[in-house]
Amino acid sequence: MKRAVYKKTEQESSDDIQEKEMTTEDVQYVVDEKGDRTAVIVPIEEYEELMEDLHDLAIIAERREEPNVSFDELRKKLIEGGEGVTET
């Protein structure tokens, strides 16, 4: 199966331009012989940011059921010596 890599251009459709606003100009797509996108190539900096965001979202999902603590309550616990405050 042959694949080609192409880089987005400013002349692409408005749907593609809207998609471009969510990413950087440096996004490239790997396409098959039919022209269907099969993979994406992004700059390493953007990839690292995406992985950090994904990690943050995973932590949020894990802690969804934990009780909320107000800022004032947290501040009071920290001033009193940090008892009841857990590190992440």
PDB file of N, CA and C in Angstrom:
ATOM      1  N   MET A   1       0.846  -1.178   0.000  1.00  0.00           N
ATOM      2  CA  MET A   1       0.000   0.000   0.000  1.00  0.00           C
ATOM      3  C   MET A   1       0.889   1.238   0.000  1.00  0.00           C
ATOM      4  N   LYS A   2       0.710   2.087  -0.993  1.00  0.00           N
ATOM      5  CA  LYS A   2       1.476   3.322  -1.072  1.00  0.00           C
ATOM      6  C   LYS A   2       0.822   4.375  -0.196  1.00  0.00           C
ATOM      7  N   ARG A   3       1.643   5.190   0.422  1.00  0.00           N
ATOM      8  CA  ARG A   3       1.132   6.291   1.227  1.00  0.00           C
ATOM      9  C   ARG A   3       1.882   7.552   0.844  1.00  0.00           C
ATOM     10  N   ALA A   4       1.235   8.661   0.993  1.00  0.00           N
ATOM     11  CA  ALA A   4       1.861   9.949   0.713  1.00  0.00           C
ATOM     12  C   ALA A   4       1.599  10.875   1.882  1.00  0.00           C
ATOM     13  N   VAL A   5       2.465  11.836   2.064  1.00  0.00           N
ATOM     14  CA  VAL A   5       2.293  12.824   3.115  1.00  0.00           C
ATOM     15  C   VAL A   5       2.012  14.156   2.436  1.00  0.00           C
ATOM     16  N   TYR A   6       0.989  14.864   2.885  1.00  0.00           N
ATOM     17  CA  TYR A   6       0.758  16.195   2.346  1.00  0.00           C
ATOM     18  C   TYR A   6       0.564  17.171   3.484  1.00  0.00           C
ATOM     19  N   LYS A   7       0.868  18.405   3.216  1.00  0.00           N
ATOM     20  CA  LYS A   7       0.736  19.470   4.188  1.00  0.00           C
ATOM     21  C   LYS A   7      -0.451  20.339   3.792  1.00  0.00           C
ATOM     22  N   LYS A   8      -1.229  20.756   4.769  1.00  0.00           N
ATOM     23  CA  LYS A   8      -2.387  21.598   4.476  1.00  0.00           C
ATOM     24  C   LYS A   8      -1.951  22.892   3.802  1.00  0.00           C
ATOM     25  N   THR A   9      -2.819  23.401   2.951  1.00  0.00           N
ATOM     26  CA  THR A   9      -2.565  24.682   2.307  1.00  0.00           C
ATOM     27  C   THR A   9      -3.695  25.636   2.641  1.00  0.00           C
ATOM     28  N   GLU A  10      -3.467  26.909   2.432  1.00  0.00           N
ATOM     29  CA  GLU A  10      -4.478  27.923   2.705  1.00  0.00           C
ATOM     30  C   GLU A  10      -5.663  27.811   1.746  1.00  0.00           C
ATOM     31  N   GLN A  11      -5.506  27.146   0.613  1.00  0.00           N
ATOM     32  CA  GLN A  11      -6.559  27.082  -0.383  1.00  0.00           C
ATOM     33  C   GLN A  11      -7.594  25.987  -0.088  1.00  0.00           C
ATOM     34  N   GLU A  12      -7.435  25.213   0.961  1.00  0.00           N
ATOM     35  CA  GLU A  12      -8.371  24.127   1.230  1.00  0.00           C
ATOM     36  C   GLU A  12      -9.719  24.669   1.689  1.00  0.00           C
ATOM     37  N   SER A  13     -10.705  23.799   1.741  1.00  0.00           N
ATOM     38  CA  SER A  13     -12.081  24.208   2.036  1.00  0.00           C
ATOM     39  C   SER A  13     -12.217  24.844   3.413  1.00  0.00           C
ATOM     40  N   SER A  14     -13.363  25.504   3.638  1.00  0.00           N
ATOM     41  CA  SER A  14     -13.595  26.172   4.917  1.00  0.00           C
ATOM     42  C   SER A  14     -13.612  25.173   6.065  1.00  0.00           C
ATOM     43  N   ASP A  15     -14.102  23.938   5.838  1.00  0.00           N
ATOM     44  CA  ASP A  15     -14.074  22.917   6.890  1.00  0.00           C
ATOM     45  C   ASP A  15     -12.642  22.628   7.289  1.00  0.00           C
ATOM     46  N   ASP A  16     -11.759  22.521   6.308  1.00  0.00           N
ATOM     47  CA  ASP A  16     -10.355  22.268   6.596  1.00  0.00           C
ATOM     48  C   ASP A  16      -9.723  23.455   7.304  1.00  0.00           C
ATOM     49  N   ILE A  17     -10.117  24.664   6.925  1.00  0.00           N
ATOM     50  CA  ILE A  17      -9.557  25.855   7.562  1.00  0.00           C
ATOM     51  C   ILE A  17     -10.008  25.915   9.012  1.00  0.00           C
ATOM     52  N   GLN A  18     -11.277  25.580   9.303  1.00  0.00           N
ATOM     53  CA  GLN A  18     -11.750  25.554  10.681  1.00  0.00           C
ATOM     54  C   GLN A  18     -10.937  24.536  11.481  1.00  0.00           C
ATOM     55  N   GLU A  19     -10.693  23.376  10.903  1.00  0.00           N
ATOM     56  CA  GLU A  19      -9.884  22.359  11.556  1.00  0.00           C
ATOM     57  C   GLU A  19      -8.482  22.889  11.799  1.00  0.00           C
ATOM     58  N   LYS A  20      -7.956  23.647  10.858  1.00  0.00           N
ATOM     59  CA  LYS A  20      -6.611  24.190  10.978  1.00  0.00           C
ATOM     60  C   LYS A  20      -6.509  25.148  12.157  1.00  0.00           C
ATOM     61  N   GLU A  21      -7.585  25.890  12.449  1.00  0.00           N
ATOM     62  CA  GLU A  21      -7.556  26.819  13.562  1.00  0.00           C
ATOM     63  C   GLU A  21      -7.369  26.104  14.892  1.00  0.00           C
ATOM     64  N   MET A  22      -7.737  24.843  14.962  1.00  0.00           N
ATOM     65  CA  MET A  22      -7.600  24.089  16.201  1.00  0.00           C
ATOM     66  C   MET A  22      -6.200  23.497  16.351  1.00  0.00           C
ATOM     67  N   THR A  23      -5.400  23.524  15.292  1.00  0.00           N
ATOM     68  CA  THR A  23      -4.075  22.938  15.325  1.00  0.00           C
ATOM     69  C   THR A  23      -3.065  23.963  14.826  1.00  0.00           C
ATOM     70  N   THR A  24      -1.905  23.510  14.448  1.00  0.00           N
ATOM     71  CA  THR A  24      -0.889  24.408  13.919  1.00  0.00           C
ATOM     72  C   THR A  24      -0.753  24.228  12.422  1.00  0.00           C
ATOM     73  N   GLU A  25      -0.028  25.117  11.800  1.00  0.00           N
ATOM     74  CA  GLU A  25       0.211  25.029  10.361  1.00  0.00           C
ATOM     75  C   GLU A  25       1.076  23.827  10.008  1.00  0.00           C
ATOM     76  N   ASP A  26       1.775  23.285  10.985  1.00  0.00           N
ATOM     77  CA  ASP A  26       2.741  22.223  10.712  1.00  0.00           C
ATOM     78  C   ASP A  26       2.146  20.820  10.713  1.00  0.00           C
ATOM     79  N   VAL A  27       0.826  20.692  10.841  1.00  0.00           N
ATOM     80  CA  VAL A  27       0.199  19.372  10.830  1.00  0.00           C
ATOM     81  C   VAL A  27       0.267  18.804   9.411  1.00  0.00           C
ATOM     82  N   GLN A  28       0.669  17.546   9.325  1.00  0.00           N
ATOM     83  CA  GLN A  28       0.728  16.856   8.040  1.00  0.00           C
ATOM     84  C   GLN A  28      -0.102  15.592   8.137  1.00  0.00           C
ATOM     85  N   TYR A  29      -0.661  15.172   7.010  1.00  0.00           N
ATOM     86  CA  TYR A  29      -1.459  13.957   6.976  1.00  0.00           C
ATOM     87  C   TYR A  29      -0.793  12.926   6.084  1.00  0.00           C
ATOM     88  N   VAL A  30      -0.891  11.676   6.508  1.00  0.00           N
ATOM     89  CA  VAL A  30      -0.475  10.558   5.675  1.00  0.00           C
ATOM     90  C   VAL A  30      -1.752  10.048   5.022  1.00  0.00           C
ATOM     91  N   VAL A  31      -1.715   9.914   3.701  1.00  0.00           N
ATOM     92  CA  VAL A  31      -2.898   9.459   2.977  1.00  0.00           C
ATOM     93  C   VAL A  31      -2.581   8.192   2.193  1.00  0.00           C
ATOM     94  N   ASP A  32      -3.609   7.375   1.988  1.00  0.00           N
ATOM     95  CA  ASP A  32      -3.436   6.166   1.182  1.00  0.00           C
ATOM     96  C   ASP A  32      -3.609   6.509  -0.297  1.00  0.00           C
ATOM     97  N   GLU A  33      -3.570   5.485  -1.134  1.00  0.00           N
ATOM     98  CA  GLU A  33      -3.638   5.719  -2.578  1.00  0.00           C
ATOM     99  C   GLU A  33      -4.984   6.303  -3.020  1.00  0.00           C
ATOM    100  N   LYS A  34      -6.009   6.178  -2.182  1.00  0.00           N
ATOM    101  CA  LYS A  34      -7.318   6.762  -2.481  1.00  0.00           C
ATOM    102  C   LYS A  34      -7.410   8.219  -2.035  1.00  0.00           C
ATOM    103  N   GLY A  35      -6.413   8.669  -1.299  1.00  0.00           N
ATOM    104  CA  GLY A  35      -6.439  10.023  -0.765  1.00  0.00           C
ATOM    105  C   GLY A  35      -7.076  10.118   0.603  1.00  0.00           C
ATOM    106  N   ASP A  36      -7.442   8.970   1.194  1.00  0.00           N
ATOM    107  CA  ASP A  36      -8.023   8.964   2.537  1.00  0.00           C
ATOM    108  C   ASP A  36      -6.928   9.163   3.577  1.00  0.00           C
ATOM    109  N   ARG A  37      -7.190   9.998   4.549  1.00  0.00           N
ATOM    110  CA  ARG A  37      -6.220  10.238   5.622  1.00  0.00           C
ATOM    111  C   ARG A  37      -6.111   8.979   6.484  1.00  0.00           C
ATOM    112  N   THR A  38      -4.892   8.554   6.742  1.00  0.00           N
ATOM    113  CA  THR A  38      -4.666   7.355   7.551  1.00  0.00           C
ATOM    114  C   THR A  38      -3.847   7.622   8.799  1.00  0.00           C
ATOM    115  N   ALA A  39      -3.167   8.756   8.856  1.00  0.00           N
ATOM    116  CA  ALA A  39      -2.348   9.096  10.017  1.00  0.00           C
ATOM    117  C   ALA A  39      -2.093  10.598  10.012  1.00  0.00           C
ATOM    118  N   VAL A  40      -1.622  11.098  11.156  1.00  0.00           N
ATOM    119  CA  VAL A  40      -1.322  12.520  11.301  1.00  0.00           C
ATOM    120  C   VAL A  40       0.096  12.663  11.825  1.00  0.00           C
ATOM    121  N   ILE A  41       0.797  13.646  11.311  1.00  0.00           N
ATOM    122  CA  ILE A  41       2.129  13.980  11.807  1.00  0.00           C
ATOM    123  C   ILE A  41       2.035  15.378  12.397  1.00  0.00           C
ATOM    124  N   VAL A  42       2.376  15.505  13.678  1.00  0.00           N
ATOM    125  CA  VAL A  42       2.359  16.811  14.347  1.00  0.00           C
ATOM    126  C   VAL A  42       3.741  17.097  14.909  1.00  0.00           C
ATOM    127  N   PRO A  43       4.077  18.362  15.076  1.00  0.00           N
ATOM    128  CA  PRO A  43       5.358  18.702  15.688  1.00  0.00           C
ATOM    129  C   PRO A  43       5.440  18.123  17.104  1.00  0.00           C
ATOM    130  N   ILE A  44       6.628  17.768  17.521  1.00  0.00           N
ATOM    131  CA  ILE A  44       6.814  17.128  18.826  1.00  0.00           C
ATOM    132  C   ILE A  44       6.305  18.004  19.965  1.00  0.00           C
ATOM    133  N   GLU A  45       6.445  19.313  19.855  1.00  0.00           N
ATOM    134  CA  GLU A  45       5.968  20.207  20.920  1.00  0.00           C
ATOM    135  C   GLU A  45       4.447  20.092  21.073  1.00  0.00           C
ATOM    136  N   GLU A  46       3.736  20.059  19.937  1.00  0.00           N
ATOM    137  CA  GLU A  46       2.289  19.925  19.994  1.00  0.00           C
ATOM    138  C   GLU A  46       1.895  18.548  20.537  1.00  0.00           C
ATOM    139  N   TYR A  47       2.613  17.518  20.122  1.00  0.00           N
ATOM    140  CA  TYR A  47       2.348  16.165  20.626  1.00  0.00           C
ATOM    141  C   TYR A  47       2.509  16.126  22.144  1.00  0.00           C
ATOM    142  N   GLU A  48       3.592  16.714  22.651  1.00  0.00           N
ATOM    143  CA  GLU A  48       3.826  16.720  24.092  1.00  0.00           C
ATOM    144  C   GLU A  48       2.718  17.469  24.827  1.00  0.00           C
ATOM    145  N   GLU A  49       2.248  18.589  24.254  1.00  0.00           N
ATOM    146  CA  GLU A  49       1.139  19.326  24.865  1.00  0.00           C
ATOM    147  C   GLU A  49      -0.133  18.478  24.877  1.00  0.00           C
ATOM    148  N   LEU A  50      -0.388  17.776  23.784  1.00  0.00           N
ATOM    149  CA  LEU A  50      -1.561  16.901  23.723  1.00  0.00           C
ATOM    150  C   LEU A  50      -1.474  15.783  24.761  1.00  0.00           C
ATOM    151  N   MET A  51      -0.301  15.200  24.932  1.00  0.00           N
ATOM    152  CA  MET A  51      -0.132  14.135  25.921  1.00  0.00           C
ATOM    153  C   MET A  51      -0.314  14.674  27.340  1.00  0.00           C
ATOM    154  N   GLU A  52       0.167  15.880  27.597  1.00  0.00           N
ATOM    155  CA  GLU A  52      -0.022  16.496  28.911  1.00  0.00           C
ATOM    156  C   GLU A  52      -1.506  16.756  29.166  1.00  0.00           C
ATOM    157  N   ASP A  53      -2.207  17.271  28.152  1.00  0.00           N
ATOM    158  CA  ASP A  53      -3.651  17.502  28.283  1.00  0.00           C
ATOM    159  C   ASP A  53      -4.392  16.193  28.532  1.00  0.00           C
ATOM    160  N   LEU A  54      -4.017  15.151  27.812  1.00  0.00           N
ATOM    161  CA  LEU A  54      -4.650  13.843  27.988  1.00  0.00           C
ATOM    162  C   LEU A  54      -4.417  13.319  29.405  1.00  0.00           C
ATOM    163  N   HIS A  55      -3.211  13.488  29.910  1.00  0.00           N
ATOM    164  CA  HIS A  55      -2.892  13.069  31.277  1.00  0.00           C
ATOM    165  C   HIS A  55      -3.743  13.839  32.280  1.00  0.00           C
ATOM    166  N   ASP A  56      -3.844  15.159  32.082  1.00  0.00           N
ATOM    167  CA  ASP A  56      -4.660  15.980  32.981  1.00  0.00           C
ATOM    168  C   ASP A  56      -6.116  15.521  32.971  1.00  0.00           C
ATOM    169  N   LEU A  57      -6.645  15.225  31.793  1.00  0.00           N
ATOM    170  CA  LEU A  57      -8.029  14.759  31.692  1.00  0.00           C
ATOM    171  C   LEU A  57      -8.222  13.404  32.372  1.00  0.00           C
ATOM    172  N   ALA A  58      -7.223  12.535  32.285  1.00  0.00           N
ATOM    173  CA  ALA A  58      -7.306  11.236  32.958  1.00  0.00           C
ATOM    174  C   ALA A  58      -7.366  11.419  34.473  1.00  0.00           C
ATOM    175  N   ILE A  59      -6.575  12.340  34.990  1.00  0.00           N
ATOM    176  CA  ILE A  59      -6.588  12.614  36.436  1.00  0.00           C
ATOM    177  C   ILE A  59      -7.947  13.170  36.853  1.00  0.00           C
ATOM    178  N   ILE A  60      -8.480  14.079  36.054  1.00  0.00           N
ATOM    179  CA  ILE A  60      -9.804  14.639  36.353  1.00  0.00           C
ATOM    180  C   ILE A  60     -10.848  13.530  36.400  1.00  0.00           C
ATOM    181  N   ALA A  61     -10.810  12.634  35.422  1.00  0.00           N
ATOM    182  CA  ALA A  61     -11.775  11.530  35.375  1.00  0.00           C
ATOM    183  C   ALA A  61     -11.629  10.622  36.593  1.00  0.00           C
ATOM    184  N   GLU A  62     -10.395  10.336  37.000  1.00  0.00           N
ATOM    185  CA  GLU A  62     -10.164   9.481  38.174  1.00  0.00           C
ATOM    186  C   GLU A  62     -10.704  10.106  39.444  1.00  0.00           C
ATOM    187  N   ARG A  63     -10.648  11.422  39.538  1.00  0.00           N
ATOM    188  CA  ARG A  63     -11.013  12.113  40.770  1.00  0.00           C
ATOM    189  C   ARG A  63     -12.431  12.667  40.753  1.00  0.00           C
ATOM    190  N   ARG A  64     -13.184  12.318  39.734  1.00  0.00           N
ATOM    191  CA  ARG A  64     -14.537  12.859  39.570  1.00  0.00           C
ATOM    192  C   ARG A  64     -15.409  12.616  40.805  1.00  0.00           C
ATOM    193  N   GLU A  65     -15.244  11.478  41.454  1.00  0.00           N
ATOM    194  CA  GLU A  65     -16.091  11.119  42.592  1.00  0.00           C
ATOM    195  C   GLU A  65     -15.549  11.612  43.931  1.00  0.00           C
ATOM    196  N   GLU A  66     -14.357  12.194  43.939  1.00  0.00           N
ATOM    197  CA  GLU A  66     -13.799  12.693  45.197  1.00  0.00           C
ATOM    198  C   GLU A  66     -14.578  13.916  45.657  1.00  0.00           C
ATOM    199  N   PRO A  67     -14.674  14.089  46.969  1.00  0.00           N
ATOM    200  CA  PRO A  67     -15.393  15.270  47.473  1.00  0.00           C
ATOM    201  C   PRO A  67     -14.633  16.557  47.136  1.00  0.00           C
ATOM    202  N   ASN A  68     -15.381  17.620  46.894  1.00  0.00           N
ATOM    203  CA  ASN A  68     -14.783  18.923  46.617  1.00  0.00           C
ATOM    204  C   ASN A  68     -14.374  19.585  47.921  1.00  0.00           C
ATOM    205  N   VAL A  69     -13.322  20.379  47.862  1.00  0.00           N
ATOM    206  CA  VAL A  69     -12.860  21.146  49.010  1.00  0.00           C
ATOM    207  C   VAL A  69     -12.775  22.599  48.574  1.00  0.00           C
ATOM    208  N   SER A  70     -13.373  23.473  49.347  1.00  0.00           N
ATOM    209  CA  SER A  70     -13.339  24.893  48.993  1.00  0.00           C
ATOM    210  C   SER A  70     -11.927  25.438  49.209  1.00  0.00           C
ATOM    211  N   PHE A  71     -11.640  26.534  48.537  1.00  0.00           N
ATOM    212  CA  PHE A  71     -10.329  27.165  48.697  1.00  0.00           C
ATOM    213  C   PHE A  71     -10.095  27.557  50.146  1.00  0.00           C
ATOM    214  N   ASP A  72     -11.104  28.130  50.791  1.00  0.00           N
ATOM    215  CA  ASP A  72     -10.953  28.555  52.186  1.00  0.00           C
ATOM    216  C   ASP A  72     -10.661  27.367  53.100  1.00  0.00           C
ATOM    217  N   GLU A  73     -11.355  26.246  52.868  1.00  0.00           N
ATOM    218  CA  GLU A  73     -11.123  25.042  53.675  1.00  0.00           C
ATOM    219  C   GLU A  73      -9.705  24.511  53.454  1.00  0.00           C
ATOM    220  N   LEU A  74      -9.264  24.468  52.205  1.00  0.00           N
ATOM    221  CA  LEU A  74      -7.908  24.016  51.906  1.00  0.00           C
ATOM    222  C   LEU A  74      -6.878  24.931  52.541  1.00  0.00           C
ATOM    223  N   ARG A  75      -7.083  26.210  52.429  1.00  0.00           N
ATOM    224  CA  ARG A  75      -6.154  27.190  53.022  1.00  0.00           C
ATOM    225  C   ARG A  75      -6.061  26.993  54.533  1.00  0.00           C
ATOM    226  N   LYS A  76      -7.206  26.801  55.165  1.00  0.00           N
ATOM    227  CA  LYS A  76      -7.238  26.592  56.620  1.00  0.00           C
ATOM    228  C   LYS A  76      -6.456  25.334  56.994  1.00  0.00           C
ATOM    229  N   LYS A  77      -6.650  24.231  56.248  1.00  0.00           N
ATOM    230  CA  LYS A  77      -5.931  22.989  56.534  1.00  0.00           C
ATOM    231  C   LYS A  77      -4.425  23.164  56.353  1.00  0.00           C
ATOM    232  N   LEU A  78      -4.026  23.898  55.314  1.00  0.00           N
ATOM    233  CA  LEU A  78      -2.599  24.119  55.078  1.00  0.00           C
ATOM    234  C   LEU A  78      -1.985  24.962  56.195  1.00  0.00           C
ATOM    235  N   ILE A  79      -2.695  25.970  56.639  1.00  0.00           N
ATOM    236  CA  ILE A  79      -2.203  26.823  57.724  1.00  0.00           C
ATOM    237  C   ILE A  79      -2.081  26.017  59.019  1.00  0.00           C
ATOM    238  N   GLU A  80      -2.996  25.079  59.238  1.00  0.00           N
ATOM    239  CA  GLU A  80      -2.995  24.268  60.464  1.00  0.00           C
ATOM    240  C   GLU A  80      -1.973  23.151  60.406  1.00  0.00           C
ATOM    241  N   GLY A  81      -1.189  23.053  59.374  1.00  0.00           N
ATOM    242  CA  GLY A  81      -0.140  22.048  59.331  1.00  0.00           C
ATOM    243  C   GLY A  81      -0.305  21.012  58.238  1.00  0.00           C
ATOM    244  N   GLY A  82      -1.284  21.164  57.427  1.00  0.00           N
ATOM    245  CA  GLY A  82      -1.415  20.286  56.286  1.00  0.00           C
ATOM    246  C   GLY A  82      -2.091  18.962  56.537  1.00  0.00           C
ATOM    247  N   GLU A  83      -2.615  18.729  57.740  1.00  0.00           N
ATOM    248  CA  GLU A  83      -3.307  17.466  57.997  1.00  0.00           C
ATOM    249  C   GLU A  83      -4.549  17.361  57.146  1.00  0.00           C
ATOM    250  N   GLY A  84      -4.766  16.217  56.577  1.00  0.00           N
ATOM    251  CA  GLY A  84      -5.926  16.001  55.735  1.00  0.00           C
ATOM    252  C   GLY A  84      -5.724  16.444  54.301  1.00  0.00           C
ATOM    253  N   VAL A  85      -4.548  16.979  54.003  1.00  0.00           N
ATOM    254  CA  VAL A  85      -4.240  17.397  52.638  1.00  0.00           C
ATOM    255  C   VAL A  85      -3.306  16.363  52.048  1.00  0.00           C
ATOM    256  N   THR A  86      -3.690  15.802  50.915  1.00  0.00           N
ATOM    257  CA  THR A  86      -2.867  14.772  50.281  1.00  0.00           C
ATOM    258  C   THR A  86      -2.122  15.354  49.088  1.00  0.00           C
ATOM    259  N   GLU A  87      -0.928  14.832  48.856  1.00  0.00           N
ATOM    260  CA  GLU A  87      -0.142  15.238  47.694  1.00  0.00           C
ATOM    261  C   GLU A  87      -0.557  14.437  46.491  1.00  0.00           C
ATOM    262  N   THR A  88      -0.367  15.035  45.316  1.00  0.00           N
ATOM    263  CA  THR A  88      -0.664  14.323  44.085  1.00  0.00           C
ATOM    264  C   THR A  88       0.617  13.956  43.383  1.00  0.00           C
TER     265      THR A  88
END
